[in-house]
Amino acid sequence: MTITDEDCLPETLAFNEQFEATAATRPARGQAPSAATLALLRRNRLGGDTPPIRLPHGRDRVVEGGVTVRVFVPDHVDGVYLHIHGGGWVFGSADGQDERLWRLAEQARLAVVSVEYRLAPEHPFPAGPDDCEAAARWLVKNAAAEFGTERLLIGGESAGAHLGVVTLLRLRDRHGITGAFRAAHLLFGPYDLSMTPSQRSFGPRPLLSNTDSLRGGYELFTPGMGPEQRRHPEVSPLFSDLTGLPPARIVVGTEDPLLDDSLFLAQRWQAAGAPVRLDVVAGAMHGFTLFPLTITERELRRQRDFLAAA
C-alpha cells in the first residue's frame, strides 16, 4: 500500500471543508429520491450542477444483448478499455465524462468503450451487471475485428468499479473466460454491500458519500435484500473467490467511507495470486476525481500510465 499526495493535504482538506459547508445547497442523495430530484441528478454531471459536455468524438452504438455503449477511437489504438461509470447504480451515464474519456483514449492510445447500463431503481440488480457482462462478452468476441487488438482492459469509478469486478467474475464463472482482460483499474468502489466497518462508522458527514447515502443506494440497487443476502458473492465481490483475475490497481482516499472496501479487496486479490497496486490518496473523499484538484490531475495521470503500460 502506498499513501500518495501527502504534499497536497492542505488543499485537499480545505476542499472537503468547503464541500461540507455547501451541503445544504445540494439535492439530497438519500433513500427513494423524488422523481424531480432523480431527474435533476441524472441530467447534471456527477458531482456538479450543470449537464455534461458531449463531444463529437464519441459514437453511440448498440451491441449484442441490446446494450448501448459509447465508443471513443483515437488515431492509434494499442488496446481497448471497457469503462463503467459510477453514480451509485442510480445516476451517471456513458456520456457523462466525454472530455476525460477522450483525453484518456488519445494519451493512452486506447479505444474506450463506456457502458450505458440500466439504472436503479427502475432497473435494480441484476440489470446493471447483466448489461456490463453483455458488453464485456461482445468485446471479447469482437475487439480484434472492431479495433484491431485483443488487448482488453476494464475499470470504473465507484459503482463502476464494483460492476467491473462483478463482470470479471461473471466472465470466469459463467463463460469460462479468464485472461481476456489484461488489467483492472478500480477507483473507490463498494465491494461489500452489507457494509464494511468504514462504511458503517463514517456517519452523516456531508461529503459526496456517507453512511446514509451508501445504505440508500444499496436499498435502491438491491431492493428487498437484507445484509446477509447482500453478502452473496454475486452481489458483493469481496466475498467471492478471486482466483484467475488480472493484475489490478485499486485507488481510494483516506476520507472515503469505502476505504475498508479497497483495503480488504486488495488483500484478497493479492492472496488469490494476482499482482495489486493499492494507492491511498491522503485526505481524499469519495469521488474526488470529479473535482478540479491537484490530486485529481495526478490521479488521472497515474490511471493513464497504468492502463497504457498494462
Protein backbone atom coordinates (compact mmCIF):
# COMPACT_ATOMS: atom_id res chain seq x y z
CA MET A 1 0.00 0.00 0.00
CA THR A 2 1.20 3.47 -0.89
CA ILE A 3 -0.07 6.69 0.70
CA THR A 4 0.04 9.29 -2.05
CA ASP A 5 -0.23 13.07 -2.33
CA GLU A 6 0.51 13.99 1.26
CA ASP A 7 2.07 17.20 -0.03
CA CYS A 8 -1.40 18.23 -1.28
CA LEU A 9 -3.12 17.56 2.03
CA PRO A 10 -3.85 21.23 2.93
CA GLU A 11 -5.55 21.85 -0.42
CA THR A 12 -7.46 18.56 -0.28
CA LEU A 13 -8.75 19.05 3.27
CA ALA A 14 -9.71 22.66 2.54
CA PHE A 15 -11.78 21.49 -0.41
CA ASN A 16 -13.50 18.87 1.77
CA GLU A 17 -14.42 21.58 4.29
CA GLN A 18 -15.80 23.81 1.56
CA PHE A 19 -17.82 20.91 0.15
CA GLU A 20 -19.31 20.18 3.58
CA ALA A 21 -20.15 23.86 4.08
CA THR A 22 -22.28 23.92 0.93
CA ALA A 23 -24.10 20.64 1.67
CA ALA A 24 -27.45 22.37 2.17
CA THR A 25 -27.43 23.67 -1.42
CA ARG A 26 -27.14 20.20 -2.98
CA PRO A 27 -30.00 17.79 -3.71
CA ALA A 28 -30.22 15.04 -1.11
CA ARG A 29 -28.98 11.63 -2.25
CA GLY A 30 -30.82 9.58 0.33
CA GLN A 31 -33.30 6.79 0.04
CA ALA A 32 -36.00 6.86 -2.65
CA PRO A 33 -35.32 10.29 -4.20
CA SER A 34 -38.31 12.10 -5.66
CA ALA A 35 -38.84 11.97 -9.40
CA ALA A 36 -37.75 15.62 -9.65
CA THR A 37 -34.55 15.02 -7.67
CA LEU A 38 -33.77 11.90 -9.68
CA ALA A 39 -34.25 13.78 -12.94
CA LEU A 40 -32.07 16.68 -11.76
CA LEU A 41 -29.22 14.47 -10.61
CA ARG A 42 -29.34 12.43 -13.81
CA ARG A 43 -29.39 15.49 -16.03
CA ASN A 44 -26.28 17.02 -14.48
CA ARG A 45 -22.81 15.57 -14.42
CA LEU A 46 -21.86 13.60 -11.33
CA GLY A 47 -20.77 15.91 -8.53
CA GLY A 48 -21.84 19.03 -10.43
CA ASP A 49 -24.79 21.25 -11.16
CA THR A 50 -24.52 21.54 -14.96
CA PRO A 51 -25.09 18.97 -17.71
CA PRO A 52 -22.00 17.15 -19.03
CA ILE A 53 -20.43 18.15 -22.34
CA ARG A 54 -20.99 15.69 -25.20
CA LEU A 55 -18.10 15.50 -27.65
CA PRO A 56 -18.45 14.61 -31.34
CA HIS A 57 -15.60 12.11 -30.87
CA GLY A 58 -17.95 9.76 -29.03
CA ARG A 59 -20.14 7.37 -31.01
CA ASP A 60 -23.15 5.57 -29.53
CA ARG A 61 -23.94 2.10 -30.76
CA VAL A 62 -25.96 -0.90 -29.69
CA VAL A 63 -24.07 -4.18 -29.33
CA GLU A 64 -25.12 -7.77 -28.75
CA GLY A 65 -27.63 -8.12 -25.96
CA GLY A 66 -29.19 -4.77 -26.82
CA VAL A 67 -26.71 -2.83 -24.67
CA THR A 68 -25.74 0.70 -25.70
CA VAL A 69 -22.07 1.63 -25.48
CA ARG A 70 -20.31 4.93 -26.16
CA VAL A 71 -17.11 4.44 -28.14
CA PHE A 72 -14.06 6.67 -28.49
CA VAL A 73 -11.42 5.63 -31.03
CA PRO A 74 -8.16 7.62 -31.33
CA ASP A 75 -5.90 7.55 -34.37
CA HIS A 76 -3.63 4.95 -32.81
CA VAL A 77 -5.13 2.02 -30.89
CA ASP A 78 -2.97 -0.26 -28.77
CA GLY A 79 -5.79 -1.68 -26.65
CA VAL A 80 -9.42 -1.34 -25.59
CA TYR A 81 -10.59 -0.04 -22.21
CA LEU A 82 -14.05 -1.14 -21.10
CA HIS A 83 -15.18 1.73 -18.88
CA ILE A 84 -18.06 1.51 -16.40
CA HIS A 85 -19.28 4.81 -14.96
CA GLY A 86 -20.14 5.49 -11.33
CA GLY A 87 -23.19 7.03 -9.70
CA GLY A 88 -24.38 4.55 -7.11
CA TRP A 89 -26.11 2.37 -9.78
CA VAL A 90 -28.76 5.15 -9.86
CA PHE A 91 -27.07 8.13 -11.55
CA GLY A 92 -24.43 8.71 -14.20
CA SER A 93 -24.25 7.86 -17.89
CA ALA A 94 -21.84 6.69 -20.56
CA ASP A 95 -21.70 10.22 -21.98
CA GLY A 96 -21.18 11.86 -18.60
CA GLN A 97 -17.43 12.39 -18.95
CA ASP A 98 -16.67 12.58 -22.66
CA GLU A 99 -13.79 15.03 -22.25
CA ARG A 100 -11.99 12.81 -19.76
CA LEU A 101 -12.54 9.60 -21.71
CA TRP A 102 -11.41 11.17 -24.98
CA ARG A 103 -8.26 12.50 -23.32
CA LEU A 104 -7.55 9.04 -21.92
CA ALA A 105 -8.15 7.48 -25.33
CA GLU A 106 -5.68 9.81 -27.04
CA GLN A 107 -2.99 9.79 -24.37
CA ALA A 108 -3.03 6.05 -23.60
CA ARG A 109 -3.72 5.01 -27.22
CA LEU A 110 -6.83 3.11 -26.19
CA ALA A 111 -10.22 2.71 -27.75
CA VAL A 112 -12.58 3.46 -24.87
CA VAL A 113 -15.93 1.66 -24.69
CA SER A 114 -18.20 3.05 -21.96
CA VAL A 115 -21.28 1.02 -20.97
CA GLU A 116 -24.73 2.64 -20.78
CA TYR A 117 -26.00 0.11 -18.27
CA ARG A 118 -29.55 0.24 -16.92
CA LEU A 119 -30.02 2.16 -13.68
CA ALA A 120 -31.90 1.51 -10.46
CA PRO A 121 -34.49 1.97 -9.08
CA GLU A 122 -36.28 1.36 -12.39
CA HIS A 123 -33.89 -1.49 -13.19
CA PRO A 124 -32.48 -2.97 -9.96
CA PHE A 125 -29.99 -5.81 -9.58
CA PRO A 126 -29.16 -7.75 -11.72
CA ALA A 127 -29.95 -5.46 -14.66
CA GLY A 128 -26.78 -3.32 -14.46
CA PRO A 129 -24.44 -6.31 -14.04
CA ASP A 130 -26.22 -8.10 -16.91
CA ASP A 131 -25.54 -5.18 -19.26
CA CYS A 132 -21.87 -4.92 -18.27
CA GLU A 133 -21.44 -8.67 -18.74
CA ALA A 134 -23.01 -8.45 -22.20
CA ALA A 135 -20.74 -5.58 -23.23
CA ALA A 136 -17.67 -7.43 -21.97
CA ARG A 137 -18.60 -10.61 -23.84
CA TRP A 138 -19.12 -8.58 -27.01
CA LEU A 139 -15.64 -7.10 -26.65
CA VAL A 140 -14.02 -10.49 -26.02
CA LYS A 141 -15.56 -11.79 -29.23
CA ASN A 142 -15.22 -8.72 -31.43
CA ALA A 143 -12.36 -6.50 -30.26
CA ALA A 144 -9.91 -7.78 -32.86
CA ALA A 145 -12.33 -7.17 -35.73
CA GLU A 146 -13.64 -3.86 -34.38
CA PHE A 147 -10.45 -2.27 -33.06
CA GLY A 148 -7.55 -4.34 -34.39
CA THR A 149 -6.40 -5.55 -30.98
CA GLU A 150 -7.21 -8.22 -28.41
CA ARG A 151 -5.57 -6.29 -25.56
CA LEU A 152 -8.50 -5.59 -23.25
CA LEU A 153 -8.62 -3.60 -20.00
CA ILE A 154 -11.52 -2.93 -17.65
CA GLY A 155 -12.30 -0.44 -14.92
CA GLY A 156 -14.55 2.19 -13.47
CA GLU A 157 -15.32 4.52 -10.63
CA SER A 158 -17.39 3.84 -7.51
CA ALA A 159 -20.36 1.68 -8.57
CA GLY A 160 -18.50 1.23 -11.85
CA ALA A 161 -15.56 -0.33 -10.01
CA HIS A 162 -17.98 -2.72 -8.29
CA LEU A 163 -19.50 -3.62 -11.66
CA GLY A 164 -16.03 -4.09 -13.14
CA VAL A 165 -15.14 -6.76 -10.60
CA VAL A 166 -18.57 -8.38 -10.91
CA THR A 167 -18.10 -8.51 -14.69
CA LEU A 168 -14.72 -10.25 -14.43
CA LEU A 169 -16.20 -12.80 -12.04
CA ARG A 170 -19.19 -13.43 -14.31
CA LEU A 171 -16.93 -13.95 -17.31
CA ARG A 172 -14.94 -16.51 -15.35
CA ASP A 173 -17.82 -18.32 -13.65
CA ARG A 174 -20.48 -18.24 -16.36
CA HIS A 175 -18.40 -18.42 -19.53
CA GLY A 176 -15.01 -19.83 -18.54
CA ILE A 177 -13.29 -16.64 -19.74
CA THR A 178 -10.10 -15.75 -17.88
CA GLY A 179 -7.13 -13.77 -19.15
CA ALA A 180 -9.07 -11.87 -21.80
CA PHE A 181 -8.79 -8.66 -19.78
CA ARG A 182 -5.15 -7.86 -19.01
CA ALA A 183 -5.75 -5.47 -16.10
CA ALA A 184 -8.41 -3.86 -13.93
CA HIS A 185 -8.43 -0.23 -12.75
CA LEU A 186 -10.73 0.23 -9.76
CA LEU A 187 -11.43 3.68 -8.30
CA PHE A 188 -13.05 3.92 -4.85
CA GLY A 189 -15.52 1.07 -5.29
CA PRO A 190 -18.01 -0.54 -2.88
CA TYR A 191 -17.23 -4.25 -2.73
CA ASP A 192 -19.27 -5.26 0.34
CA LEU A 193 -22.87 -4.11 0.05
CA SER A 194 -23.61 -5.41 3.55
CA MET A 195 -21.29 -2.56 4.64
CA THR A 196 -17.69 -2.75 5.84
CA PRO A 197 -16.69 -1.17 9.18
CA SER A 198 -15.54 2.05 7.50
CA GLN A 199 -18.90 2.39 5.76
CA ARG A 200 -20.84 1.86 8.99
CA SER A 201 -18.68 4.16 11.13
CA PHE A 202 -18.38 7.10 8.69
CA GLY A 203 -21.63 8.64 9.85
CA PRO A 204 -23.56 11.61 8.43
CA ARG A 205 -20.62 13.79 7.39
CA PRO A 206 -21.93 15.57 4.26
CA LEU A 207 -19.22 14.64 1.77
CA LEU A 208 -20.11 13.12 -1.59
CA SER A 209 -20.93 9.80 0.11
CA ASN A 210 -21.59 8.89 3.71
CA THR A 211 -23.15 6.06 5.67
CA ASP A 212 -26.74 7.05 4.91
CA SER A 213 -26.25 7.70 1.20
CA LEU A 214 -24.47 4.38 0.75
CA ARG A 215 -27.19 2.49 2.58
CA GLY A 216 -29.84 4.26 0.50
CA GLY A 217 -28.04 3.34 -2.72
CA TYR A 218 -27.88 -0.31 -1.73
CA GLU A 219 -31.60 -0.34 -0.99
CA LEU A 220 -32.35 1.11 -4.43
CA PHE A 221 -29.96 -1.26 -6.23
CA THR A 222 -30.89 -4.41 -4.28
CA PRO A 223 -34.46 -3.82 -3.03
CA GLY A 224 -35.81 -6.35 -0.59
CA MET A 225 -32.38 -7.72 0.32
CA GLY A 226 -31.08 -7.71 3.87
CA PRO A 227 -27.39 -7.57 4.86
CA GLU A 228 -26.94 -11.33 4.70
CA GLN A 229 -28.38 -11.53 1.18
CA ARG A 230 -26.16 -8.65 0.11
CA ARG A 231 -23.13 -10.68 1.20
CA HIS A 232 -23.79 -13.14 -1.62
CA PRO A 233 -20.71 -13.20 -3.86
CA GLU A 234 -22.79 -12.24 -6.91
CA VAL A 235 -23.75 -9.00 -5.14
CA SER A 236 -20.65 -8.29 -3.04
CA PRO A 237 -17.47 -9.36 -4.84
CA LEU A 238 -15.42 -9.07 -1.65
CA PHE A 239 -16.92 -12.43 -0.67
CA SER A 240 -16.04 -14.10 -3.99
CA ASP A 241 -13.24 -16.45 -4.88
CA LEU A 242 -10.90 -14.03 -6.65
CA THR A 243 -8.60 -16.53 -8.34
CA GLY A 244 -7.92 -16.07 -12.02
CA LEU A 245 -8.41 -12.31 -12.05
CA PRO A 246 -5.94 -9.97 -13.78
CA PRO A 247 -3.47 -7.53 -12.20
CA ALA A 248 -5.24 -4.57 -10.65
CA ARG A 249 -4.71 -1.04 -9.49
CA ILE A 250 -7.04 -0.13 -6.63
CA VAL A 251 -7.42 3.51 -5.51
CA VAL A 252 -9.26 5.10 -2.57
CA GLY A 253 -8.99 8.19 -0.38
CA THR A 254 -8.41 8.27 3.35
CA GLU A 255 -11.66 10.27 3.87
CA ASP A 256 -13.82 7.83 1.89
CA PRO A 257 -16.40 5.67 3.72
CA LEU A 258 -15.40 2.93 1.27
CA LEU A 259 -11.79 2.88 2.50
CA ASP A 260 -12.07 -0.60 4.01
CA ASP A 261 -13.59 -1.97 0.81
CA SER A 262 -10.44 -1.17 -1.16
CA LEU A 263 -8.07 -2.27 1.60
CA PHE A 264 -9.85 -5.60 2.03
CA LEU A 265 -10.25 -6.23 -1.70
CA ALA A 266 -6.58 -5.52 -2.39
CA GLN A 267 -5.52 -8.00 0.27
CA ARG A 268 -7.83 -10.73 -1.02
CA TRP A 269 -6.92 -10.02 -4.67
CA GLN A 270 -3.25 -10.41 -3.91
CA ALA A 271 -3.85 -13.52 -1.79
CA ALA A 272 -5.64 -15.04 -4.78
CA GLY A 273 -2.43 -14.73 -6.79
CA ALA A 274 -2.68 -11.58 -8.91
CA PRO A 275 -0.45 -8.50 -8.59
CA VAL A 276 -2.13 -5.49 -6.96
CA ARG A 277 -1.13 -1.86 -6.66
CA LEU A 278 -3.04 -0.13 -3.87
CA ASP A 279 -2.86 3.66 -3.74
CA VAL A 280 -4.50 5.52 -0.84
CA VAL A 281 -4.82 9.26 -1.52
CA ALA A 282 -4.21 11.42 1.56
CA GLY A 283 -7.27 13.41 2.59
CA ALA A 284 -9.34 12.46 -0.46
CA MET A 285 -13.08 11.99 -0.14
CA HIS A 286 -15.23 9.65 -2.19
CA GLY A 287 -15.45 10.71 -5.82
CA PHE A 288 -12.54 13.16 -5.54
CA THR A 289 -11.69 12.80 -9.23
CA LEU A 290 -14.90 14.65 -10.11
CA PHE A 291 -13.44 17.90 -8.82
CA PRO A 292 -10.69 20.31 -10.01
CA LEU A 293 -7.97 19.38 -7.53
CA THR A 294 -4.25 18.74 -7.78
CA ILE A 295 -4.87 15.17 -6.62
CA THR A 296 -7.34 14.73 -9.48
CA GLU A 297 -4.81 15.66 -12.16
CA ARG A 298 -2.22 13.41 -10.56
CA GLU A 299 -4.65 10.53 -10.32
CA LEU A 300 -5.69 10.87 -13.95
CA ARG A 301 -2.02 10.70 -14.97
CA ARG A 302 -1.47 7.61 -12.82
CA GLN A 303 -4.55 5.97 -14.33
CA ARG A 304 -3.36 6.77 -17.85
CA ASP A 305 0.12 5.41 -17.16
CA PHE A 306 -1.21 2.21 -15.59
CA LEU A 307 -3.60 1.48 -18.44
CA ALA A 308 -1.05 2.38 -21.12
CA ALA A 309 1.52 0.01 -19.62
CA ALA A 310 -0.75 -2.86 -18.57
